Amino acid sequence: MSSVDEFTRKLKSIADQSNLHEAAAVFEHSRSYVDANREKLMKRYPNCWIVVHKEQVLAADKDLRRLIGTIRRSGIHLEQVAVELLTSEENPILL
C-alpha cells in the first residue's frame, strides 16, 4: 500500500469517527427533547411510537413496523433519531 493510500484510509477513518460522533450527539439531543417533553408528547401521541430528530417529531404511529418503514422510505438515517414508545406503562421499550 502506498503512503498516499494509507493516508487516504486514515483520513476516511477520522471522517467516519467524526460522523459517528455527530450522529451520537444528534441522537442524544433528540432523546433529551423526548425526556423533557414527555407529558406533552404523550397527550399528542398517546400509545404511539414516535421518531424525533433534534426537537422535531418526524413521524408517529401505533405500529412500529409501519413507522420504521415510513422512516426508511423517507431517507432519514435511523442512527440520528430517537425512536420511542409513548405510554404510561412503567417499562416502555426504547430503541
PDB file of N, CA and C in Angstrom:
ATOM      1  N   MET A   1       0.850  -1.176   0.000  1.00  0.00           N
ATOM      2  CA  MET A   1       0.000   0.000   0.000  1.00  0.00           C
ATOM      3  C   MET A   1       0.894   1.236   0.000  1.00  0.00           C
ATOM      4  N   SER A   2       0.563   2.174  -0.886  1.00  0.00           N
ATOM      5  CA  SER A   2       1.359   3.393  -0.962  1.00  0.00           C
ATOM      6  C   SER A   2       1.052   4.293   0.225  1.00  0.00           C
ATOM      7  N   SER A   3       1.941   5.223   0.468  1.00  0.00           N
ATOM      8  CA  SER A   3       1.731   6.151   1.578  1.00  0.00           C
ATOM      9  C   SER A   3       0.502   7.036   1.323  1.00  0.00           C
ATOM     10  N   VAL A   4       0.196   7.322   0.061  1.00  0.00           N
ATOM     11  CA  VAL A   4      -0.992   8.106  -0.270  1.00  0.00           C
ATOM     12  C   VAL A   4      -2.254   7.304   0.059  1.00  0.00           C
ATOM     13  N   ASP A   5      -2.252   6.015  -0.292  1.00  0.00           N
ATOM     14  CA  ASP A   5      -3.397   5.152   0.016  1.00  0.00           C
ATOM     15  C   ASP A   5      -3.596   5.040   1.523  1.00  0.00           C
ATOM     16  N   GLU A   6      -2.503   4.878   2.239  1.00  0.00           N
ATOM     17  CA  GLU A   6      -2.596   4.769   3.699  1.00  0.00           C
ATOM     18  C   GLU A   6      -3.099   6.082   4.303  1.00  0.00           C
ATOM     19  N   PHE A   7      -2.619   7.197   3.818  1.00  0.00           N
ATOM     20  CA  PHE A   7      -3.074   8.500   4.293  1.00  0.00           C
ATOM     21  C   PHE A   7      -4.574   8.687   4.015  1.00  0.00           C
ATOM     22  N   THR A   8      -5.005   8.299   2.809  1.00  0.00           N
ATOM     23  CA  THR A   8      -6.414   8.393   2.441  1.00  0.00           C
ATOM     24  C   THR A   8      -7.271   7.529   3.366  1.00  0.00           C
ATOM     25  N   ARG A   9      -6.802   6.319   3.652  1.00  0.00           N
ATOM     26  CA  ARG A   9      -7.527   5.410   4.546  1.00  0.00           C
ATOM     27  C   ARG A   9      -7.646   6.010   5.947  1.00  0.00           C
ATOM     28  N   LYS A  10      -6.569   6.614   6.436  1.00  0.00           N
ATOM     29  CA  LYS A  10      -6.605   7.230   7.767  1.00  0.00           C
ATOM     30  C   LYS A  10      -7.564   8.421   7.795  1.00  0.00           C
ATOM     31  N   LEU A  11      -7.558   9.234   6.745  1.00  0.00           N
ATOM     32  CA  LEU A  11      -8.482  10.371   6.685  1.00  0.00           C
ATOM     33  C   LEU A  11      -9.932   9.891   6.672  1.00  0.00           C
ATOM     34  N   LYS A  12     -10.207   8.819   5.927  1.00  0.00           N
ATOM     35  CA  LYS A  12     -11.562   8.272   5.884  1.00  0.00           C
ATOM     36  C   LYS A  12     -11.970   7.760   7.259  1.00  0.00           C
ATOM     37  N   SER A  13     -11.052   7.130   7.961  1.00  0.00           N
ATOM     38  CA  SER A  13     -11.343   6.630   9.307  1.00  0.00           C
ATOM     39  C   SER A  13     -11.679   7.780  10.254  1.00  0.00           C
ATOM     40  N   ILE A  14     -10.935   8.859  10.169  1.00  0.00           N
ATOM     41  CA  ILE A  14     -11.194  10.035  11.011  1.00  0.00           C
ATOM     42  C   ILE A  14     -12.552  10.637  10.666  1.00  0.00           C
ATOM     43  N   ALA A  15     -12.863  10.732   9.383  1.00  0.00           N
ATOM     44  CA  ALA A  15     -14.156  11.280   8.957  1.00  0.00           C
ATOM     45  C   ALA A  15     -15.298  10.401   9.448  1.00  0.00           C
ATOM     46  N   ASP A  16     -15.131   9.074   9.363  1.00  0.00           N
ATOM     47  CA  ASP A  16     -16.168   8.159   9.836  1.00  0.00           C
ATOM     48  C   ASP A  16     -16.396   8.323  11.334  1.00  0.00           C
ATOM     49  N   GLN A  17     -15.327   8.486  12.101  1.00  0.00           N
ATOM     50  CA  GLN A  17     -15.456   8.690  13.546  1.00  0.00           C
ATOM     51  C   GLN A  17     -16.151  10.012  13.838  1.00  0.00           C
ATOM     52  N   SER A  18     -15.855  11.030  13.064  1.00  0.00           N
ATOM     53  CA  SER A  18     -16.493  12.330  13.243  1.00  0.00           C
ATOM     54  C   SER A  18     -17.987  12.226  12.957  1.00  0.00           C
ATOM     55  N   ASN A  19     -18.351  11.500  11.892  1.00  0.00           N
ATOM     56  CA  ASN A  19     -19.768  11.313  11.564  1.00  0.00           C
ATOM     57  C   ASN A  19     -20.468  10.536  12.657  1.00  0.00           C
ATOM     58  N   LEU A  20     -19.803   9.543  13.211  1.00  0.00           N
ATOM     59  CA  LEU A  20     -20.387   8.761  14.293  1.00  0.00           C
ATOM     60  C   LEU A  20     -20.599   9.643  15.520  1.00  0.00           C
ATOM     61  N   HIS A  21     -19.630  10.485  15.824  1.00  0.00           N
ATOM     62  CA  HIS A  21     -19.756  11.404  16.963  1.00  0.00           C
ATOM     63  C   HIS A  21     -20.922  12.370  16.738  1.00  0.00           C
ATOM     64  N   GLU A  22     -21.043  12.877  15.519  1.00  0.00           N
ATOM     65  CA  GLU A  22     -22.141  13.797  15.196  1.00  0.00           C
ATOM     66  C   GLU A  22     -23.493  13.092  15.324  1.00  0.00           C
ATOM     67  N   ALA A  23     -23.587  11.865  14.823  1.00  0.00           N
ATOM     68  CA  ALA A  23     -24.839  11.103  14.914  1.00  0.00           C
ATOM     69  C   ALA A  23     -25.200  10.846  16.380  1.00  0.00           C
ATOM     70  N   ALA A  24     -24.216  10.529  17.205  1.00  0.00           N
ATOM     71  CA  ALA A  24     -24.470  10.289  18.626  1.00  0.00           C
ATOM     72  C   ALA A  24     -24.952  11.561  19.313  1.00  0.00           C
ATOM     73  N   ALA A  25     -24.379  12.698  18.954  1.00  0.00           N
ATOM     74  CA  ALA A  25     -24.792  13.971  19.549  1.00  0.00           C
ATOM     75  C   ALA A  25     -26.233  14.315  19.158  1.00  0.00           C
ATOM     76  N   VAL A  26     -26.589  14.084  17.895  1.00  0.00           N
ATOM     77  CA  VAL A  26     -27.955  14.354  17.428  1.00  0.00           C
ATOM     78  C   VAL A  26     -28.935  13.416  18.129  1.00  0.00           C
ATOM     79  N   PHE A  27     -28.557  12.137  18.254  1.00  0.00           N
ATOM     80  CA  PHE A  27     -29.409  11.171  18.948  1.00  0.00           C
ATOM     81  C   PHE A  27     -29.641  11.612  20.391  1.00  0.00           C
ATOM     82  N   GLU A  28     -28.591  12.006  21.084  1.00  0.00           N
ATOM     83  CA  GLU A  28     -28.713  12.427  22.488  1.00  0.00           C
ATOM     84  C   GLU A  28     -29.583  13.671  22.608  1.00  0.00           C
ATOM     85  N   HIS A  29     -29.437  14.604  21.697  1.00  0.00           N
ATOM     86  CA  HIS A  29     -30.281  15.807  21.679  1.00  0.00           C
ATOM     87  C   HIS A  29     -31.750  15.413  21.520  1.00  0.00           C
ATOM     88  N   SER A  30     -32.001  14.480  20.608  1.00  0.00           N
ATOM     89  CA  SER A  30     -33.368  14.011  20.367  1.00  0.00           C
ATOM     90  C   SER A  30     -33.952  13.337  21.600  1.00  0.00           C
ATOM     91  N   ARG A  31     -33.169  12.477  22.247  1.00  0.00           N
ATOM     92  CA  ARG A  31     -33.622  11.787  23.457  1.00  0.00           C
ATOM     93  C   ARG A  31     -33.892  12.775  24.582  1.00  0.00           C
ATOM     94  N   SER A  32     -33.050  13.757  24.716  1.00  0.00           N
ATOM     95  CA  SER A  32     -33.244  14.773  25.758  1.00  0.00           C
ATOM     96  C   SER A  32     -34.538  15.539  25.527  1.00  0.00           C
ATOM     97  N   TYR A  33     -34.836  15.830  24.276  1.00  0.00           N
ATOM     98  CA  TYR A  33     -36.079  16.524  23.946  1.00  0.00           C
ATOM     99  C   TYR A  33     -37.283  15.675  24.355  1.00  0.00           C
ATOM    100  N   VAL A  34     -37.253  14.386  24.046  1.00  0.00           N
ATOM    101  CA  VAL A  34     -38.357  13.498  24.421  1.00  0.00           C
ATOM    102  C   VAL A  34     -38.514  13.471  25.936  1.00  0.00           C
ATOM    103  N   ASP A  35     -37.401  13.311  26.640  1.00  0.00           N
ATOM    104  CA  ASP A  35     -37.462  13.264  28.110  1.00  0.00           C
ATOM    105  C   ASP A  35     -38.047  14.548  28.692  1.00  0.00           C
ATOM    106  N   ALA A  36     -37.631  15.679  28.165  1.00  0.00           N
ATOM    107  CA  ALA A  36     -38.082  16.967  28.693  1.00  0.00           C
ATOM    108  C   ALA A  36     -39.535  17.281  28.339  1.00  0.00           C
ATOM    109  N   ASN A  37     -40.045  16.664  27.284  1.00  0.00           N
ATOM    110  CA  ASN A  37     -41.391  16.980  26.801  1.00  0.00           C
ATOM    111  C   ASN A  37     -42.327  15.774  26.803  1.00  0.00           C
ATOM    112  N   ARG A  38     -41.997  14.772  27.591  1.00  0.00           N
ATOM    113  CA  ARG A  38     -42.735  13.512  27.587  1.00  0.00           C
ATOM    114  C   ARG A  38     -44.241  13.707  27.804  1.00  0.00           C
ATOM    115  N   GLU A  39     -44.635  14.459  28.791  1.00  0.00           N
ATOM    116  CA  GLU A  39     -46.065  14.633  29.091  1.00  0.00           C
ATOM    117  C   GLU A  39     -46.810  15.263  27.918  1.00  0.00           C
ATOM    118  N   LYS A  40     -46.251  16.323  27.354  1.00  0.00           N
ATOM    119  CA  LYS A  40     -46.864  16.992  26.209  1.00  0.00           C
ATOM    120  C   LYS A  40     -46.945  16.044  25.014  1.00  0.00           C
ATOM    121  N   LEU A  41     -45.880  15.310  24.771  1.00  0.00           N
ATOM    122  CA  LEU A  41     -45.858  14.372  23.653  1.00  0.00           C
ATOM    123  C   LEU A  41     -46.843  13.224  23.862  1.00  0.00           C
ATOM    124  N   MET A  42     -46.969  12.753  25.110  1.00  0.00           N
ATOM    125  CA  MET A  42     -47.912  11.669  25.391  1.00  0.00           C
ATOM    126  C   MET A  42     -49.348  12.104  25.137  1.00  0.00           C
ATOM    127  N   LYS A  43     -49.657  13.357  25.409  1.00  0.00           N
ATOM    128  CA  LYS A  43     -51.006  13.867  25.143  1.00  0.00           C
ATOM    129  C   LYS A  43     -51.275  13.955  23.641  1.00  0.00           C
ATOM    130  N   ARG A  44     -50.264  14.332  22.892  1.00  0.00           N
ATOM    131  CA  ARG A  44     -50.441  14.494  21.446  1.00  0.00           C
ATOM    132  C   ARG A  44     -50.371  13.161  20.699  1.00  0.00           C
ATOM    133  N   TYR A  45     -49.523  12.227  21.201  1.00  0.00           N
ATOM    134  CA  TYR A  45     -49.317  10.936  20.537  1.00  0.00           C
ATOM    135  C   TYR A  45     -49.508   9.791  21.536  1.00  0.00           C
ATOM    136  N   PRO A  46     -50.710   9.617  22.092  1.00  0.00           N
ATOM    137  CA  PRO A  46     -50.892   8.582  23.119  1.00  0.00           C
ATOM    138  C   PRO A  46     -50.718   7.168  22.555  1.00  0.00           C
ATOM    139  N   ASN A  47     -49.950   6.372  23.289  1.00  0.00           N
ATOM    140  CA  ASN A  47     -49.703   4.974  22.924  1.00  0.00           C
ATOM    141  C   ASN A  47     -49.165   4.807  21.505  1.00  0.00           C
ATOM    142  N   CYS A  48     -48.347   5.757  21.097  1.00  0.00           N
ATOM    143  CA  CYS A  48     -47.735   5.716  19.763  1.00  0.00           C
ATOM    144  C   CYS A  48     -46.221   5.646  19.883  1.00  0.00           C
ATOM    145  N   TRP A  49     -45.632   5.067  18.851  1.00  0.00           N
ATOM    146  CA  TRP A  49     -44.197   5.172  18.665  1.00  0.00           C
ATOM    147  C   TRP A  49     -43.946   6.507  17.975  1.00  0.00           C
ATOM    148  N   ILE A  50     -42.910   7.215  18.384  1.00  0.00           N
ATOM    149  CA  ILE A  50     -42.558   8.475  17.723  1.00  0.00           C
ATOM    150  C   ILE A  50     -41.104   8.418  17.269  1.00  0.00           C
ATOM    151  N   VAL A  51     -40.822   9.169  16.230  1.00  0.00           N
ATOM    152  CA  VAL A  51     -39.459   9.341  15.731  1.00  0.00           C
ATOM    153  C   VAL A  51     -39.147  10.817  15.869  1.00  0.00           C
ATOM    154  N   VAL A  52     -38.097  11.126  16.627  1.00  0.00           N
ATOM    155  CA  VAL A  52     -37.723  12.515  16.897  1.00  0.00           C
ATOM    156  C   VAL A  52     -36.315  12.777  16.392  1.00  0.00           C
ATOM    157  N   HIS A  53     -36.165  13.859  15.662  1.00  0.00           N
ATOM    158  CA  HIS A  53     -34.854  14.342  15.226  1.00  0.00           C
ATOM    159  C   HIS A  53     -34.674  15.725  15.820  1.00  0.00           C
ATOM    160  N   LYS A  54     -33.704  15.825  16.718  1.00  0.00           N
ATOM    161  CA  LYS A  54     -33.460  17.052  17.481  1.00  0.00           C
ATOM    162  C   LYS A  54     -34.726  17.413  18.253  1.00  0.00           C
ATOM    163  N   GLU A  55     -35.454  18.423  17.866  1.00  0.00           N
ATOM    164  CA  GLU A  55     -36.656  18.823  18.607  1.00  0.00           C
ATOM    165  C   GLU A  55     -37.900  18.747  17.736  1.00  0.00           C
ATOM    166  N   GLN A  56     -37.867  17.850  16.765  1.00  0.00           N
ATOM    167  CA  GLN A  56     -38.988  17.732  15.836  1.00  0.00           C
ATOM    168  C   GLN A  56     -39.459  16.280  15.767  1.00  0.00           C
ATOM    169  N   VAL A  57     -40.760  16.078  15.949  1.00  0.00           N
ATOM    170  CA  VAL A  57     -41.349  14.757  15.761  1.00  0.00           C
ATOM    171  C   VAL A  57     -41.543  14.579  14.259  1.00  0.00           C
ATOM    172  N   LEU A  58     -40.825  13.619  13.693  1.00  0.00           N
ATOM    173  CA  LEU A  58     -40.877  13.397  12.247  1.00  0.00           C
ATOM    174  C   LEU A  58     -42.013  12.470  11.836  1.00  0.00           C
ATOM    175  N   ALA A  59     -42.356  11.538  12.727  1.00  0.00           N
ATOM    176  CA  ALA A  59     -43.411  10.576  12.416  1.00  0.00           C
ATOM    177  C   ALA A  59     -43.914   9.964  13.707  1.00  0.00           C
ATOM    178  N   ALA A  60     -45.143   9.485  13.655  1.00  0.00           N
ATOM    179  CA  ALA A  60     -45.744   8.793  14.797  1.00  0.00           C
ATOM    180  C   ALA A  60     -46.699   7.735  14.260  1.00  0.00           C
ATOM    181  N   ASP A  61     -46.720   6.599  14.942  1.00  0.00           N
ATOM    182  CA  ASP A  61     -47.607   5.516  14.524  1.00  0.00           C
ATOM    183  C   ASP A  61     -47.748   4.530  15.677  1.00  0.00           C
ATOM    184  N   LYS A  62     -48.886   3.881  15.768  1.00  0.00           N
ATOM    185  CA  LYS A  62     -49.082   2.859  16.797  1.00  0.00           C
ATOM    186  C   LYS A  62     -48.410   1.551  16.420  1.00  0.00           C
ATOM    187  N   ASP A  63     -48.063   1.401  15.144  1.00  0.00           N
ATOM    188  CA  ASP A  63     -47.420   0.181  14.648  1.00  0.00           C
ATOM    189  C   ASP A  63     -45.941   0.463  14.362  1.00  0.00           C
ATOM    190  N   LEU A  64     -45.054  -0.180  15.115  1.00  0.00           N
ATOM    191  CA  LEU A  64     -43.617   0.084  14.988  1.00  0.00           C
ATOM    192  C   LEU A  64     -43.095  -0.291  13.602  1.00  0.00           C
ATOM    193  N   ARG A  65     -43.497  -1.427  13.077  1.00  0.00           N
ATOM    194  CA  ARG A  65     -43.004  -1.834  11.751  1.00  0.00           C
ATOM    195  C   ARG A  65     -43.395  -0.819  10.680  1.00  0.00           C
ATOM    196  N   ARG A  66     -44.613  -0.364  10.726  1.00  0.00           N
ATOM    197  CA  ARG A  66     -45.077   0.626   9.745  1.00  0.00           C
ATOM    198  C   ARG A  66     -44.288   1.931   9.906  1.00  0.00           C
ATOM    199  N   LEU A  67     -44.030   2.319  11.149  1.00  0.00           N
ATOM    200  CA  LEU A  67     -43.278   3.538  11.424  1.00  0.00           C
ATOM    201  C   LEU A  67     -41.856   3.435  10.874  1.00  0.00           C
ATOM    202  N   ILE A  68     -41.181   2.321  11.142  1.00  0.00           N
ATOM    203  CA  ILE A  68     -39.810   2.137  10.646  1.00  0.00           C
ATOM    204  C   ILE A  68     -39.801   2.149   9.118  1.00  0.00           C
ATOM    205  N   GLY A  69     -40.791   1.515   8.504  1.00  0.00           N
ATOM    206  CA  GLY A  69     -40.890   1.544   7.042  1.00  0.00           C
ATOM    207  C   GLY A  69     -41.040   2.958   6.515  1.00  0.00           C
ATOM    208  N   THR A  70     -41.861   3.740   7.175  1.00  0.00           N
ATOM    209  CA  THR A  70     -42.057   5.138   6.786  1.00  0.00           C
ATOM    210  C   THR A  70     -40.749   5.908   6.869  1.00  0.00           C
ATOM    211  N   ILE A  71     -40.031   5.720   7.954  1.00  0.00           N
ATOM    212  CA  ILE A  71     -38.758   6.431   8.149  1.00  0.00           C
ATOM    213  C   ILE A  71     -37.735   5.996   7.103  1.00  0.00           C
ATOM    214  N   ARG A  72     -37.619   4.693   6.876  1.00  0.00           N
ATOM    215  CA  ARG A  72     -36.650   4.209   5.874  1.00  0.00           C
ATOM    216  C   ARG A  72     -36.968   4.751   4.486  1.00  0.00           C
ATOM    217  N   ARG A  73     -38.234   4.769   4.112  1.00  0.00           N
ATOM    218  CA  ARG A  73     -38.613   5.280   2.791  1.00  0.00           C
ATOM    219  C   ARG A  73     -38.315   6.779   2.667  1.00  0.00           C
ATOM    220  N   SER A  74     -38.345   7.487   3.772  1.00  0.00           N
ATOM    221  CA  SER A  74     -38.095   8.932   3.732  1.00  0.00           C
ATOM    222  C   SER A  74     -36.614   9.269   3.591  1.00  0.00           C
ATOM    223  N   GLY A  75     -35.749   8.273   3.812  1.00  0.00           N
ATOM    224  CA  GLY A  75     -34.310   8.507   3.682  1.00  0.00           C
ATOM    225  C   GLY A  75     -33.642   9.000   4.954  1.00  0.00           C
ATOM    226  N   ILE A  76     -34.378   9.070   6.044  1.00  0.00           N
ATOM    227  CA  ILE A  76     -33.809   9.505   7.321  1.00  0.00           C
ATOM    228  C   ILE A  76     -32.946   8.381   7.885  1.00  0.00           C
ATOM    229  N   HIS A  77     -31.779   8.724   8.384  1.00  0.00           N
ATOM    230  CA  HIS A  77     -30.879   7.734   8.975  1.00  0.00           C
ATOM    231  C   HIS A  77     -31.324   7.429  10.400  1.00  0.00           C
ATOM    232  N   LEU A  78     -31.629   6.168  10.677  1.00  0.00           N
ATOM    233  CA  LEU A  78     -32.127   5.773  11.993  1.00  0.00           C
ATOM    234  C   LEU A  78     -31.141   6.051  13.121  1.00  0.00           C
ATOM    235  N   GLU A  79     -29.850   6.090  12.797  1.00  0.00           N
ATOM    236  CA  GLU A  79     -28.877   6.339  13.863  1.00  0.00           C
ATOM    237  C   GLU A  79     -28.880   7.792  14.338  1.00  0.00           C
ATOM    238  N   GLN A  80     -29.608   8.662  13.659  1.00  0.00           N
ATOM    239  CA  GLN A  80     -29.659  10.070  14.054  1.00  0.00           C
ATOM    240  C   GLN A  80     -31.005  10.481  14.639  1.00  0.00           C
ATOM    241  N   VAL A  81     -31.856   9.511  14.954  1.00  0.00           N
ATOM    242  CA  VAL A  81     -33.156   9.831  15.525  1.00  0.00           C
ATOM    243  C   VAL A  81     -33.400   8.988  16.771  1.00  0.00           C
ATOM    244  N   ALA A  82     -34.281   9.486  17.607  1.00  0.00           N
ATOM    245  CA  ALA A  82     -34.744   8.715  18.758  1.00  0.00           C
ATOM    246  C   ALA A  82     -36.089   8.108  18.378  1.00  0.00           C
ATOM    247  N   VAL A  83     -36.232   6.812  18.621  1.00  0.00           N
ATOM    248  CA  VAL A  83     -37.491   6.118  18.379  1.00  0.00           C
ATOM    249  C   VAL A  83     -37.971   5.642  19.742  1.00  0.00           C
ATOM    250  N   GLU A  84     -39.156   6.092  20.127  1.00  0.00           N
ATOM    251  CA  GLU A  84     -39.614   5.773  21.476  1.00  0.00           C
ATOM    252  C   GLU A  84     -41.118   5.563  21.514  1.00  0.00           C
ATOM    253  N   LEU A  85     -41.532   4.657  22.377  1.00  0.00           N
ATOM    254  CA  LEU A  85     -42.947   4.402  22.597  1.00  0.00           C
ATOM    255  C   LEU A  85     -43.431   5.318  23.712  1.00  0.00           C
ATOM    256  N   LEU A  86     -44.472   6.082  23.437  1.00  0.00           N
ATOM    257  CA  LEU A  86     -45.053   6.967  24.442  1.00  0.00           C
ATOM    258  C   LEU A  86     -46.237   6.246  25.082  1.00  0.00           C
ATOM    259  N   THR A  87     -46.028   5.804  26.286  1.00  0.00           N
ATOM    260  CA  THR A  87     -47.051   5.057  27.000  1.00  0.00           C
ATOM    261  C   THR A  87     -46.948   5.372  28.482  1.00  0.00           C
ATOM    262  N   SER A  88     -48.000   5.127  29.183  1.00  0.00           N
ATOM    263  CA  SER A  88     -47.981   5.337  30.629  1.00  0.00           C
ATOM    264  C   SER A  88     -47.467   4.094  31.376  1.00  0.00           C
ATOM    265  N   GLU A  89     -47.168   3.017  30.652  1.00  0.00           N
ATOM    266  CA  GLU A  89     -46.590   1.831  31.276  1.00  0.00           C
ATOM    267  C   GLU A  89     -45.242   2.182  31.893  1.00  0.00           C
ATOM    268  N   GLU A  90     -44.883   1.452  32.922  1.00  0.00           N
ATOM    269  CA  GLU A  90     -43.652   1.780  33.642  1.00  0.00           C
ATOM    270  C   GLU A  90     -42.378   1.403  32.902  1.00  0.00           C
ATOM    271  N   ASN A  91     -42.413   0.405  32.034  1.00  0.00           N
ATOM    272  CA  ASN A  91     -41.207  -0.052  31.350  1.00  0.00           C
ATOM    273  C   ASN A  91     -41.368  -0.010  29.841  1.00  0.00           C
ATOM    274  N   PRO A  92     -41.416   1.182  29.252  1.00  0.00           N
ATOM    275  CA  PRO A  92     -41.530   1.247  27.794  1.00  0.00           C
ATOM    276  C   PRO A  92     -40.256   0.722  27.135  1.00  0.00           C
ATOM    277  N   ILE A  93     -40.391   0.312  25.900  1.00  0.00           N
ATOM    278  CA  ILE A  93     -39.256  -0.177  25.132  1.00  0.00           C
ATOM    279  C   ILE A  93     -38.615   1.011  24.451  1.00  0.00           C
ATOM    280  N   LEU A  94     -37.302   1.119  24.550  1.00  0.00           N
ATOM    281  CA  LEU A  94     -36.556   2.199  23.909  1.00  0.00           C
ATOM    282  C   LEU A  94     -35.681   1.615  22.824  1.00  0.00           C
ATOM    283  N   LEU A  95     -35.590   2.319  21.700  1.00  0.00           N
ATOM    284  CA  LEU A  95     -34.700   1.908  20.605  1.00  0.00           C
ATOM    285  C   LEU A  95     -33.685   2.983  20.376  1.00  0.00           C
TER     286      LEU A  95
END
